Amino acid sequence: RILGDDDGEADWLWFAVVTVVVLNLADAAFTLWWVHNGIATEANALLADLVESNAIGFALAKSSLVSLGLLLLWRQRRRPLASFGIVLVFVAYNGLVAYHLGIAALTVERALA
């Protein structure tokens, strides 16, 4: 069992947390690519300057902020609102990466046309 949980409920929550960490890294990579190629701008006002001036700093800040939020939710996972938060973030990041993949598909399609 994950981190000593015996009820099995933590299995799917742990999967969601790990998936969000991976999707967050994908989001950071896509964002850096889009911004540095002039296709998009960073929507997060806290990270907008950093994405253009320091790619590694941006990736570290983004990863740290999301990971700290996930850690807080994970530590409170027995509370229904925290579990809901994990699921909400999981769904949101899946949608965000799907959006990035859609932009990538359009970019490739236009390049081939």
C-alpha atoms as a PDB file:
ATOM      1  CA  ARG A   1       0.000   0.000   0.000  1.00  0.00           C
ATOM      2  CA  ILE A   2       0.980   3.584  -0.612  1.00  0.00           C
ATOM      3  CA  LEU A   3       2.495   5.307   2.413  1.00  0.00           C
ATOM      4  CA  GLY A   4       0.920   2.903   4.855  1.00  0.00           C
ATOM      5  CA  ASP A   5      -2.690   3.257   3.755  1.00  0.00           C
ATOM      6  CA  ASP A   6      -4.607   0.052   4.286  1.00  0.00           C
ATOM      7  CA  ASP A   7      -7.919   0.908   2.704  1.00  0.00           C
ATOM      8  CA  GLY A   8      -6.793   0.981  -0.943  1.00  0.00           C
ATOM      9  CA  GLU A   9      -8.439   4.356  -1.518  1.00  0.00           C
ATOM     10  CA  ALA A  10      -5.021   5.981  -1.602  1.00  0.00           C
ATOM     11  CA  ASP A  11      -4.021   3.895  -4.638  1.00  0.00           C
ATOM     12  CA  TRP A  12      -6.054   5.909  -7.127  1.00  0.00           C
ATOM     13  CA  LEU A  13      -5.279   9.178  -5.342  1.00  0.00           C
ATOM     14  CA  TRP A  14      -1.548   8.392  -5.480  1.00  0.00           C
ATOM     15  CA  PHE A  15      -1.898   7.599  -9.200  1.00  0.00           C
ATOM     16  CA  ALA A  16      -3.611  10.987  -9.695  1.00  0.00           C
ATOM     17  CA  VAL A  17      -0.876  12.847  -7.774  1.00  0.00           C
ATOM     18  CA  VAL A  18       1.971  11.183  -9.700  1.00  0.00           C
ATOM     19  CA  THR A  19       0.154  11.802 -12.980  1.00  0.00           C
ATOM     20  CA  VAL A  20      -0.278  15.498 -12.154  1.00  0.00           C
ATOM     21  CA  VAL A  21       3.458  15.812 -11.438  1.00  0.00           C
ATOM     22  CA  VAL A  22       4.253  14.313 -14.858  1.00  0.00           C
ATOM     23  CA  LEU A  23       1.598  16.393 -16.634  1.00  0.00           C
ATOM     24  CA  ASN A  24       2.898  19.528 -14.905  1.00  0.00           C
ATOM     25  CA  LEU A  25       6.344  18.855 -16.367  1.00  0.00           C
ATOM     26  CA  ALA A  26       4.767  18.376 -19.802  1.00  0.00           C
ATOM     27  CA  ASP A  27       2.853  21.644 -19.355  1.00  0.00           C
ATOM     28  CA  ALA A  28       6.076  23.458 -18.459  1.00  0.00           C
ATOM     29  CA  ALA A  29       7.865  22.058 -21.514  1.00  0.00           C
ATOM     30  CA  PHE A  30       5.003  22.948 -23.845  1.00  0.00           C
ATOM     31  CA  THR A  31       4.713  26.431 -22.336  1.00  0.00           C
ATOM     32  CA  LEU A  32       8.420  27.103 -22.771  1.00  0.00           C
ATOM     33  CA  TRP A  33       8.225  25.903 -26.371  1.00  0.00           C
ATOM     34  CA  TRP A  34       5.148  28.011 -27.225  1.00  0.00           C
ATOM     35  CA  VAL A  35       6.451  31.166 -25.523  1.00  0.00           C
ATOM     36  CA  HIS A  36       9.959  30.969 -26.960  1.00  0.00           C
ATOM     37  CA  ASN A  37       8.558  30.390 -30.463  1.00  0.00           C
ATOM     38  CA  GLY A  38       6.092  33.288 -30.210  1.00  0.00           C
ATOM     39  CA  ILE A  39       3.013  31.079 -30.384  1.00  0.00           C
ATOM     40  CA  ALA A  40       1.631  31.889 -26.922  1.00  0.00           C
ATOM     41  CA  THR A  41       2.239  33.817 -23.725  1.00  0.00           C
ATOM     42  CA  GLU A  42       2.292  32.568 -20.145  1.00  0.00           C
ATOM     43  CA  ALA A  43      -1.158  33.000 -18.589  1.00  0.00           C
ATOM     44  CA  ASN A  44       0.086  32.861 -14.981  1.00  0.00           C
ATOM     45  CA  ALA A  45       1.045  36.425 -14.049  1.00  0.00           C
ATOM     46  CA  LEU A  46       3.371  35.168 -11.307  1.00  0.00           C
ATOM     47  CA  LEU A  47       5.464  33.198 -13.801  1.00  0.00           C
ATOM     48  CA  ALA A  48       5.112  35.311 -16.962  1.00  0.00           C
ATOM     49  CA  ASP A  49       8.378  37.218 -16.545  1.00  0.00           C
ATOM     50  CA  LEU A  50      10.277  34.135 -15.466  1.00  0.00           C
ATOM     51  CA  VAL A  51       9.236  32.041 -18.474  1.00  0.00           C
ATOM     52  CA  GLU A  52      10.872  34.515 -20.836  1.00  0.00           C
ATOM     53  CA  SER A  53      13.996  35.264 -18.801  1.00  0.00           C
ATOM     54  CA  ASN A  54      14.938  31.992 -17.107  1.00  0.00           C
ATOM     55  CA  ALA A  55      13.616  28.686 -18.464  1.00  0.00           C
ATOM     56  CA  ILE A  56      15.164  26.573 -15.708  1.00  0.00           C
ATOM     57  CA  GLY A  57      13.923  28.945 -13.010  1.00  0.00           C
ATOM     58  CA  PHE A  58      10.451  28.843 -14.560  1.00  0.00           C
ATOM     59  CA  ALA A  59      10.398  25.041 -14.625  1.00  0.00           C
ATOM     60  CA  LEU A  60      11.676  24.820 -11.041  1.00  0.00           C
ATOM     61  CA  ALA A  61       9.217  27.420  -9.746  1.00  0.00           C
ATOM     62  CA  LYS A  62       6.275  25.817 -11.550  1.00  0.00           C
ATOM     63  CA  SER A  63       7.224  22.322 -10.400  1.00  0.00           C
ATOM     64  CA  SER A  64       7.780  23.496  -6.840  1.00  0.00           C
ATOM     65  CA  LEU A  65       4.473  25.348  -6.583  1.00  0.00           C
ATOM     66  CA  VAL A  66       2.451  22.464  -7.986  1.00  0.00           C
ATOM     67  CA  SER A  67       4.338  19.867  -5.946  1.00  0.00           C
ATOM     68  CA  LEU A  68       3.840  21.815  -2.714  1.00  0.00           C
ATOM     69  CA  GLY A  69       0.128  22.128  -3.447  1.00  0.00           C
ATOM     70  CA  LEU A  70      -0.075  18.406  -4.147  1.00  0.00           C
ATOM     71  CA  LEU A  71       1.822  17.631  -0.950  1.00  0.00           C
ATOM     72  CA  LEU A  72      -0.670  19.676   1.048  1.00  0.00           C
ATOM     73  CA  LEU A  73      -3.595  17.890  -0.590  1.00  0.00           C
ATOM     74  CA  TRP A  74      -1.939  14.483  -0.161  1.00  0.00           C
ATOM     75  CA  ARG A  75      -1.319  15.045   3.545  1.00  0.00           C
ATOM     76  CA  GLN A  76      -5.018  15.892   3.978  1.00  0.00           C
ATOM     77  CA  ARG A  77      -6.273  13.184   1.585  1.00  0.00           C
ATOM     78  CA  ARG A  78      -8.602  11.626   4.176  1.00  0.00           C
ATOM     79  CA  ARG A  79     -10.658  14.808   4.098  1.00  0.00           C
ATOM     80  CA  PRO A  80     -13.227  14.748   1.284  1.00  0.00           C
ATOM     81  CA  LEU A  81     -12.380  18.262   0.102  1.00  0.00           C
ATOM     82  CA  ALA A  82      -8.687  17.388  -0.261  1.00  0.00           C
ATOM     83  CA  SER A  83      -9.509  14.224  -2.219  1.00  0.00           C
ATOM     84  CA  PHE A  84     -11.810  16.278  -4.413  1.00  0.00           C
ATOM     85  CA  GLY A  85      -8.981  18.781  -4.901  1.00  0.00           C
ATOM     86  CA  ILE A  86      -6.637  16.042  -6.083  1.00  0.00           C
ATOM     87  CA  VAL A  87      -9.227  14.803  -8.557  1.00  0.00           C
ATOM     88  CA  LEU A  88      -9.955  18.349  -9.740  1.00  0.00           C
ATOM     89  CA  VAL A  89      -6.273  19.075 -10.360  1.00  0.00           C
ATOM     90  CA  PHE A  90      -5.902  15.710 -12.123  1.00  0.00           C
ATOM     91  CA  VAL A  91      -8.792  16.511 -14.480  1.00  0.00           C
ATOM     92  CA  ALA A  92      -7.568  20.081 -15.044  1.00  0.00           C
ATOM     93  CA  TYR A  93      -4.035  19.007 -15.961  1.00  0.00           C
ATOM     94  CA  ASN A  94      -5.330  16.311 -18.293  1.00  0.00           C
ATOM     95  CA  GLY A  95      -7.405  18.970 -20.038  1.00  0.00           C
ATOM     96  CA  LEU A  96      -4.484  21.376 -20.160  1.00  0.00           C
ATOM     97  CA  VAL A  97      -2.126  18.841 -21.735  1.00  0.00           C
ATOM     98  CA  ALA A  98      -4.868  17.855 -24.207  1.00  0.00           C
ATOM     99  CA  TYR A  99      -5.103  21.551 -25.109  1.00  0.00           C
ATOM    100  CA  HIS A 100      -1.325  21.689 -25.632  1.00  0.00           C
ATOM    101  CA  LEU A 101      -1.503  18.603 -27.844  1.00  0.00           C
ATOM    102  CA  GLY A 102      -4.277  20.258 -29.861  1.00  0.00           C
ATOM    103  CA  ILE A 103      -2.111  23.334 -30.417  1.00  0.00           C
ATOM    104  CA  ALA A 104       0.763  21.063 -31.420  1.00  0.00           C
ATOM    105  CA  ALA A 105      -1.455  19.221 -33.912  1.00  0.00           C
ATOM    106  CA  LEU A 106      -2.640  22.516 -35.453  1.00  0.00           C
ATOM    107  CA  THR A 107       0.928  23.783 -35.644  1.00  0.00           C
ATOM    108  CA  VAL A 108       2.085  20.639 -37.450  1.00  0.00           C
ATOM    109  CA  GLU A 109      -0.965  20.701 -39.737  1.00  0.00           C
ATOM    110  CA  ARG A 110      -0.277  24.315 -40.733  1.00  0.00           C
ATOM    111  CA  ALA A 111       3.392  23.570 -41.303  1.00  0.00           C
ATOM    112  CA  LEU A 112       2.499  20.704 -43.634  1.00  0.00           C
ATOM    113  CA  ALA A 113      -0.141  22.669 -45.571  1.00  0.00           C
END
